[in-house]
Amino acid sequence: MKARKLQTAIRSTRVHRVGFVAAALVLTSILPAMVSTSNAATKTSVKVEQIDVGIALTPPKMVFLAPYVAAARGYFAAQHLDVHFIGMPDGLETELGTVSGSITFGLSSATDAISSAAAGTPLHAVWSYAPRLDTQCIATNDVKTAKDLVGQYVGSTGTGGFSYTQVYACLKADGVNVSDVKLVNMPRSQFVPNLVNGRIKAAVFHADDAYVVQHAGAKVHVLQNEYITAPQWWYGGVAVLDSYAKSHKAVVERFLTAMVQADRWMTNVKNRAAVIRIGHKVTGEDTAAVAYAYDFLQKSHGWTLNDGMDPAAVAYTAQQMMNFKEIDKVPSYSTIVDNTYINDVLAKLGRVAE
């Protein structure tokens, strides 16, 4: 089970840090930069602190754009934060890096935070960069409903975790179980050619990639928008090690302040063109794909305006992971989530309508 695997990996990581993370940190300088600056408004000295933010996909997708916008718009600078981004290969590596202390904040699927809680690891999700799934299930044109996928080959990046969630969300609206289809594990880069050659009948893509595959010459269509088929699924969590959060409460709150400001700026449609420009630069994707993903995230309310960690959604997702046998027990909300920091931030910024 994933939680047990995570627990084993974490014990190993305490001795041997994740190589990918360690290599990245060598390039970005491991030692924190602590620089005193003058705050003209309060006449006090504020330390500029370096933090390392791990992003669970390299290059990032539009759903991960908030920290890059916070940097581009100067929100991190205003909070006296020097932020280094570390691109990670997947969510598990991101969570392991956070647990080991190699990453200050880890952005990955919320299933990673739930698995960590089930394994008893000392970290919590403190915010959600995306409360809903940003994924679309793309199928060949001969597949009209998920029932047509029974007994057929479906692309997947793995047999557990978020990849399992994606296939589940593709099938559930039509009452089809994941066990009813034949999963074929492969890198995401192989989804498109295998759809084209007919080896698989469907696969799930982040919105950016969904645009690309629909314009790649394959005879495919959108079978499901997964925020509709699985509306209660909690998608994206921002995790931090408990010991760090407790000893750096002000830093955590400064980071979350900048992130909330970034999300609120992005969701203002007046800023659409500017967001797309930043997204194109950060993701390296075609502008049309970035625009498609932006509009999709706007329609699905994919970016978080407040905390994004609805107790009902967290409980639902944890229970589904238990049903999938991804975890041995369903951890409590307070074991998964720590609202202390974001509640303090929202008390200052104010909550807004979702």
Protein backbone atom coordinates (compact mmCIF):
# COMPACT_ATOMS: atom_id res chain seq x y z
CA MET A 1 0.00 0.00 0.00
CA LYS A 2 1.13 3.52 -0.74
CA ALA A 3 1.19 4.69 2.88
CA ARG A 4 3.42 1.76 3.85
CA LYS A 5 5.68 2.41 0.87
CA LEU A 6 5.89 6.05 1.85
CA GLN A 7 6.77 5.15 5.43
CA THR A 8 9.55 2.84 4.22
CA ALA A 9 10.83 5.43 1.78
CA ILE A 10 10.82 8.12 4.47
CA ARG A 11 12.93 5.98 6.80
CA SER A 12 15.38 5.49 3.94
CA THR A 13 15.32 9.18 3.10
CA ARG A 14 16.42 10.11 6.61
CA VAL A 15 19.73 8.42 5.82
CA HIS A 16 19.95 9.07 2.09
CA ARG A 17 18.12 12.15 0.88
CA VAL A 18 16.31 11.95 -2.40
CA GLY A 19 19.05 12.28 -5.00
CA PHE A 20 16.98 14.43 -7.31
CA VAL A 21 16.27 16.91 -4.54
CA ALA A 22 19.83 16.98 -3.28
CA ALA A 23 21.19 17.63 -6.75
CA ALA A 24 18.73 20.44 -7.27
CA LEU A 25 19.64 22.01 -3.95
CA VAL A 26 23.33 21.98 -4.81
CA LEU A 27 22.47 24.10 -7.83
CA THR A 28 20.28 26.50 -5.87
CA SER A 29 22.53 26.70 -2.76
CA ILE A 30 21.61 24.69 0.30
CA LEU A 31 22.35 27.31 2.96
CA PRO A 32 19.44 29.65 3.73
CA ALA A 33 19.98 33.30 2.93
CA MET A 34 19.16 35.41 5.95
CA VAL A 35 19.45 39.10 5.05
CA SER A 36 18.24 41.98 7.19
CA THR A 37 16.24 44.66 5.39
CA SER A 38 14.58 47.80 6.65
CA ASN A 39 10.80 47.96 6.80
CA ALA A 40 10.00 51.64 6.37
CA ALA A 41 6.45 51.27 7.66
CA THR A 42 7.33 49.63 10.98
CA LYS A 43 10.94 50.78 11.39
CA THR A 44 11.86 47.19 12.30
CA SER A 45 14.33 44.77 10.82
CA VAL A 46 12.80 41.96 8.71
CA LYS A 47 14.81 38.95 7.63
CA VAL A 48 14.68 37.90 4.03
CA GLU A 49 14.52 34.13 4.19
CA GLN A 50 15.29 31.68 1.44
CA ILE A 51 12.73 28.93 0.98
CA ASP A 52 12.74 26.03 -1.44
CA VAL A 53 9.45 25.17 -3.10
CA GLY A 54 9.08 21.75 -4.71
CA ILE A 55 6.69 21.47 -7.67
CA ALA A 56 5.44 17.95 -8.43
CA LEU A 57 5.69 18.23 -12.22
CA THR A 58 8.57 19.33 -14.43
CA PRO A 59 7.90 21.48 -16.37
CA PRO A 60 4.91 22.71 -14.34
CA LYS A 61 1.36 22.83 -15.64
CA MET A 62 -0.91 25.85 -15.35
CA VAL A 63 -2.54 24.49 -12.21
CA PHE A 64 0.84 25.00 -10.46
CA LEU A 65 1.21 28.61 -11.58
CA ALA A 66 0.52 30.42 -8.28
CA PRO A 67 4.08 30.44 -6.87
CA TYR A 68 5.51 31.60 -10.20
CA VAL A 69 2.96 34.42 -10.34
CA ALA A 70 3.78 35.32 -6.74
CA ALA A 71 7.41 35.66 -7.80
CA ALA A 72 6.69 37.57 -11.02
CA ARG A 73 4.25 39.97 -9.36
CA GLY A 74 6.56 40.70 -6.44
CA TYR A 75 4.30 39.14 -3.80
CA PHE A 76 7.15 37.03 -2.41
CA ALA A 77 9.49 40.00 -2.36
CA ALA A 78 6.90 42.04 -0.49
CA GLN A 79 6.83 39.27 2.12
CA HIS A 80 10.64 39.26 2.38
CA LEU A 81 11.00 35.81 0.85
CA ASP A 82 13.69 34.61 -1.52
CA VAL A 83 12.02 31.65 -3.24
CA HIS A 84 13.82 28.93 -5.20
CA PHE A 85 11.71 26.53 -7.29
CA ILE A 86 12.67 22.88 -7.51
CA GLY A 87 11.07 20.86 -10.29
CA MET A 88 10.29 17.33 -9.13
CA PRO A 89 9.50 14.17 -11.14
CA ASP A 90 6.32 13.32 -9.21
CA GLY A 91 4.31 13.85 -6.04
CA LEU A 92 5.94 11.11 -3.99
CA GLU A 93 9.41 12.58 -4.52
CA THR A 94 8.01 15.99 -3.57
CA GLU A 95 6.51 14.67 -0.35
CA LEU A 96 9.70 12.80 0.53
CA GLY A 97 11.73 15.94 -0.05
CA THR A 98 9.41 17.86 2.28
CA VAL A 99 9.62 15.20 4.99
CA SER A 100 13.42 15.09 4.79
CA GLY A 101 13.67 18.87 5.07
CA SER A 102 15.22 19.27 1.62
CA ILE A 103 12.13 21.18 0.49
CA THR A 104 10.44 23.84 2.59
CA PHE A 105 7.04 23.63 0.91
CA GLY A 106 5.88 20.83 -1.39
CA LEU A 107 3.13 21.25 -3.98
CA SER A 108 1.71 17.88 -5.00
CA SER A 109 -1.50 15.89 -5.15
CA ALA A 110 -3.47 15.97 -1.92
CA THR A 111 -3.36 12.17 -1.98
CA ASP A 112 0.29 12.51 -0.97
CA ALA A 113 -0.65 14.50 2.13
CA ILE A 114 -3.28 11.90 3.01
CA SER A 115 -0.82 9.04 2.51
CA SER A 116 1.69 10.86 4.71
CA ALA A 117 -0.91 11.31 7.44
CA ALA A 118 -1.87 7.64 7.25
CA ALA A 119 1.82 6.72 7.56
CA GLY A 120 2.22 8.95 10.62
CA THR A 121 4.73 11.30 9.06
CA PRO A 122 5.27 14.68 10.78
CA LEU A 123 3.89 17.07 8.16
CA HIS A 124 0.56 18.64 7.28
CA ALA A 125 -1.13 20.31 4.35
CA VAL A 126 -1.43 24.02 5.16
CA TRP A 127 -3.12 25.24 1.98
CA SER A 128 -4.50 23.96 -1.30
CA TYR A 129 -3.21 25.40 -4.56
CA ALA A 130 -6.09 23.71 -6.41
CA PRO A 131 -9.15 22.27 -4.64
CA ARG A 132 -10.56 20.54 -7.74
CA LEU A 133 -9.18 18.22 -10.40
CA ASP A 134 -7.81 20.07 -13.42
CA THR A 135 -7.80 16.92 -15.54
CA GLN A 136 -9.73 15.78 -18.62
CA CYS A 137 -10.24 12.21 -19.75
CA ILE A 138 -9.52 12.03 -23.48
CA ALA A 139 -10.79 9.04 -25.47
CA THR A 140 -10.78 7.90 -29.07
CA ASN A 141 -13.87 8.92 -31.04
CA ASP A 142 -15.34 5.42 -31.01
CA VAL A 143 -15.64 5.63 -27.20
CA LYS A 144 -18.92 7.39 -26.49
CA THR A 145 -19.20 6.69 -22.76
CA ALA A 146 -16.97 5.12 -20.12
CA LYS A 147 -18.93 1.89 -20.55
CA ASP A 148 -17.24 1.52 -23.94
CA LEU A 149 -13.91 1.26 -22.09
CA VAL A 150 -14.83 -1.98 -20.29
CA GLY A 151 -12.21 -4.55 -21.26
CA GLN A 152 -10.22 -1.91 -23.19
CA TYR A 153 -6.70 -0.57 -22.63
CA VAL A 154 -6.44 2.74 -20.77
CA GLY A 155 -3.21 4.69 -20.30
CA SER A 156 -1.95 5.30 -16.78
CA THR A 157 1.28 6.53 -15.19
CA GLY A 158 1.04 3.96 -12.39
CA THR A 159 -1.19 1.63 -10.44
CA GLY A 160 -1.61 3.82 -7.38
CA GLY A 161 -1.80 7.37 -6.10
CA PHE A 162 -2.95 10.23 -8.27
CA SER A 163 -2.78 8.21 -11.50
CA TYR A 164 -5.36 5.81 -10.05
CA THR A 165 -7.50 8.78 -9.03
CA GLN A 166 -7.51 10.10 -12.58
CA VAL A 167 -8.72 6.83 -14.10
CA TYR A 168 -11.30 6.48 -11.34
CA ALA A 169 -12.69 9.94 -12.08
CA CYS A 170 -12.86 9.12 -15.78
CA LEU A 171 -14.96 6.02 -15.22
CA LYS A 172 -17.14 6.66 -12.18
CA ALA A 173 -19.84 8.79 -13.86
CA ASP A 174 -20.93 5.78 -15.89
CA GLY A 175 -20.62 3.29 -13.06
CA VAL A 176 -17.46 1.63 -14.42
CA ASN A 177 -14.78 0.41 -12.01
CA VAL A 178 -11.06 0.74 -12.59
CA SER A 179 -10.85 -3.05 -12.40
CA ASP A 180 -13.15 -3.23 -15.45
CA VAL A 181 -10.50 -1.76 -17.76
CA LYS A 182 -6.95 -2.83 -18.64
CA LEU A 183 -4.46 -0.29 -17.34
CA VAL A 184 -1.28 0.16 -19.37
CA ASN A 185 1.46 1.94 -17.41
CA MET A 186 3.62 4.33 -19.39
CA PRO A 187 5.19 7.80 -19.18
CA ARG A 188 2.81 10.69 -19.87
CA SER A 189 4.81 11.47 -23.00
CA GLN A 190 3.63 8.16 -24.47
CA PHE A 191 -0.10 8.84 -24.09
CA VAL A 192 -0.46 10.73 -27.37
CA PRO A 193 1.35 8.29 -29.70
CA ASN A 194 -0.44 5.35 -28.12
CA LEU A 195 -3.82 7.02 -28.59
CA VAL A 196 -2.90 7.70 -32.21
CA ASN A 197 -1.82 4.12 -32.91
CA GLY A 198 -4.78 2.65 -31.05
CA ARG A 199 -2.83 0.84 -28.37
CA ILE A 200 -4.92 2.61 -25.74
CA LYS A 201 -8.48 3.90 -25.94
CA ALA A 202 -8.26 6.64 -23.31
CA ALA A 203 -5.92 8.51 -20.99
CA VAL A 204 -6.18 11.40 -18.57
CA PHE A 205 -4.40 14.71 -19.14
CA HIS A 206 -3.94 17.98 -17.30
CA ALA A 207 -5.94 20.65 -19.13
CA ASP A 208 -2.86 22.05 -20.91
CA ASP A 209 -1.97 18.64 -22.32
CA ALA A 210 -5.60 17.90 -23.14
CA TYR A 211 -5.49 20.80 -25.57
CA VAL A 212 -2.28 19.49 -27.13
CA VAL A 213 -3.60 15.97 -27.69
CA GLN A 214 -6.80 17.28 -29.27
CA HIS A 215 -4.69 19.22 -31.78
CA ALA A 216 -2.10 16.51 -32.45
CA GLY A 217 -3.93 14.82 -35.29
CA ALA A 218 -5.46 12.05 -33.20
CA LYS A 219 -9.17 11.31 -33.59
CA VAL A 220 -10.06 11.96 -29.97
CA HIS A 221 -12.53 13.90 -27.86
CA VAL A 222 -13.11 14.93 -24.24
CA LEU A 223 -14.93 12.06 -22.57
CA GLN A 224 -15.02 13.59 -19.07
CA ASN A 225 -14.18 16.82 -17.30
CA GLU A 226 -13.07 15.30 -14.04
CA TYR A 227 -13.98 18.20 -11.76
CA ILE A 228 -17.56 17.37 -12.81
CA THR A 229 -17.37 13.59 -12.48
CA ALA A 230 -15.52 13.75 -9.14
CA PRO A 231 -16.56 17.15 -7.69
CA GLN A 232 -15.75 16.20 -4.09
CA TRP A 233 -12.21 15.10 -4.83
CA TRP A 234 -9.59 17.28 -3.10
CA TYR A 235 -6.83 17.70 -5.65
CA GLY A 236 -3.80 19.82 -4.68
CA GLY A 237 -2.12 20.30 -1.33
CA VAL A 238 0.78 22.41 -0.05
CA ALA A 239 2.66 20.47 2.62
CA VAL A 240 5.23 21.62 5.16
CA LEU A 241 7.13 19.78 7.87
CA ASP A 242 5.52 20.32 11.29
CA SER A 243 8.79 21.20 13.00
CA TYR A 244 9.58 23.85 10.41
CA ALA A 245 6.08 25.36 10.53
CA LYS A 246 6.13 25.64 14.30
CA SER A 247 9.58 27.24 14.41
CA HIS A 248 8.93 29.49 11.38
CA LYS A 249 5.28 30.44 11.83
CA ALA A 250 5.75 33.95 10.43
CA VAL A 251 7.55 32.59 7.34
CA VAL A 252 4.76 30.10 6.65
CA GLU A 253 2.16 32.84 6.91
CA ARG A 254 4.16 35.17 4.69
CA PHE A 255 4.43 32.43 2.08
CA LEU A 256 0.70 31.67 2.20
CA THR A 257 -0.12 35.38 2.01
CA ALA A 258 1.77 35.66 -1.27
CA MET A 259 0.16 32.50 -2.63
CA VAL A 260 -3.37 33.64 -1.86
CA GLN A 261 -2.66 37.01 -3.44
CA ALA A 262 -1.34 35.27 -6.55
CA ASP A 263 -4.41 33.05 -6.90
CA ARG A 264 -6.78 35.98 -6.44
CA TRP A 265 -4.90 38.01 -9.04
CA MET A 266 -4.96 35.11 -11.53
CA THR A 267 -8.69 34.54 -11.18
CA ASN A 268 -9.48 38.16 -12.03
CA VAL A 269 -10.40 37.89 -15.72
CA LYS A 270 -9.01 41.38 -16.30
CA ASN A 271 -5.58 39.82 -15.83
CA ARG A 272 -6.15 36.94 -18.28
CA ALA A 273 -3.66 38.13 -20.89
CA ALA A 274 -0.95 38.78 -18.30
CA VAL A 275 -1.51 35.37 -16.67
CA ILE A 276 -1.24 33.66 -20.06
CA ARG A 277 2.05 35.46 -20.74
CA ILE A 278 3.48 34.27 -17.44
CA GLY A 279 2.10 30.78 -18.01
CA HIS A 280 3.66 30.55 -21.45
CA LYS A 281 7.06 31.56 -20.07
CA VAL A 282 6.92 29.20 -17.09
CA THR A 283 5.46 26.09 -18.74
CA GLY A 284 7.09 26.48 -22.15
CA GLU A 285 3.79 25.46 -23.70
CA ASP A 286 2.10 26.93 -26.73
CA THR A 287 0.13 30.07 -25.91
CA ALA A 288 -3.08 28.47 -27.17
CA ALA A 289 -2.64 25.53 -24.76
CA VAL A 290 -1.98 27.93 -21.89
CA ALA A 291 -5.07 29.96 -22.77
CA TYR A 292 -7.16 26.77 -22.93
CA ALA A 293 -5.92 25.72 -19.48
CA TYR A 294 -6.56 29.20 -18.06
CA ASP A 295 -10.15 29.21 -19.27
CA PHE A 296 -10.65 25.64 -18.01
CA LEU A 297 -9.36 26.55 -14.54
CA GLN A 298 -11.55 29.62 -14.44
CA LYS A 299 -14.65 27.64 -15.36
CA SER A 300 -13.90 24.87 -12.87
CA HIS A 301 -12.89 27.28 -10.06
CA GLY A 302 -9.60 25.44 -10.13
CA TRP A 303 -7.49 27.97 -8.21
CA THR A 304 -7.96 28.57 -4.50
CA LEU A 305 -9.30 31.88 -3.28
CA ASN A 306 -9.33 31.03 0.42
CA ASP A 307 -7.93 27.84 2.01
CA GLY A 308 -9.22 25.18 -0.40
CA MET A 309 -9.28 22.43 2.23
CA ASP A 310 -12.98 21.73 2.70
CA PRO A 311 -13.42 19.11 5.46
CA ALA A 312 -16.03 17.21 3.45
CA ALA A 313 -13.74 17.03 0.41
CA VAL A 314 -10.76 15.96 2.51
CA ALA A 315 -12.81 13.24 4.20
CA TYR A 316 -14.25 12.03 0.88
CA THR A 317 -10.82 11.79 -0.74
CA ALA A 318 -9.33 9.95 2.23
CA GLN A 319 -12.21 7.48 2.25
CA GLN A 320 -11.82 6.83 -1.49
CA MET A 321 -8.11 6.15 -0.97
CA MET A 322 -9.07 3.66 1.71
CA ASN A 323 -11.51 2.05 -0.72
CA PHE A 324 -8.71 1.86 -3.31
CA LYS A 325 -6.52 0.17 -0.66
CA GLU A 326 -4.01 3.01 -1.02
CA ILE A 327 -3.94 3.49 2.77
CA ASP A 328 -4.49 1.20 5.77
CA LYS A 329 -6.70 3.62 7.70
CA VAL A 330 -8.58 6.87 7.15
CA PRO A 331 -6.70 9.64 8.97
CA SER A 332 -8.64 12.43 10.64
CA TYR A 333 -8.93 15.90 9.13
CA SER A 334 -6.65 17.38 11.79
CA THR A 335 -4.04 14.71 11.06
CA ILE A 336 -3.98 15.69 7.38
CA VAL A 337 -4.58 19.43 7.57
CA ASP A 338 -3.35 22.24 9.81
CA ASN A 339 -5.49 25.34 9.26
CA THR A 340 -3.67 27.41 11.87
CA TYR A 341 -1.52 29.38 9.43
CA ILE A 342 -3.99 30.01 6.62
CA ASN A 343 -6.68 31.06 9.10
CA ASP A 344 -4.35 33.73 10.45
CA VAL A 345 -3.60 34.86 6.88
CA LEU A 346 -7.27 35.04 5.92
CA ALA A 347 -8.09 36.95 9.09
CA LYS A 348 -5.82 39.69 7.70
CA LEU A 349 -6.62 39.42 3.99
CA GLY A 350 -10.29 38.63 4.42
CA ARG A 351 -12.20 35.78 2.82
CA VAL A 352 -13.73 36.28 -0.61
CA ALA A 353 -16.63 34.65 -2.43
CA GLU A 354 -15.65 31.40 -4.15
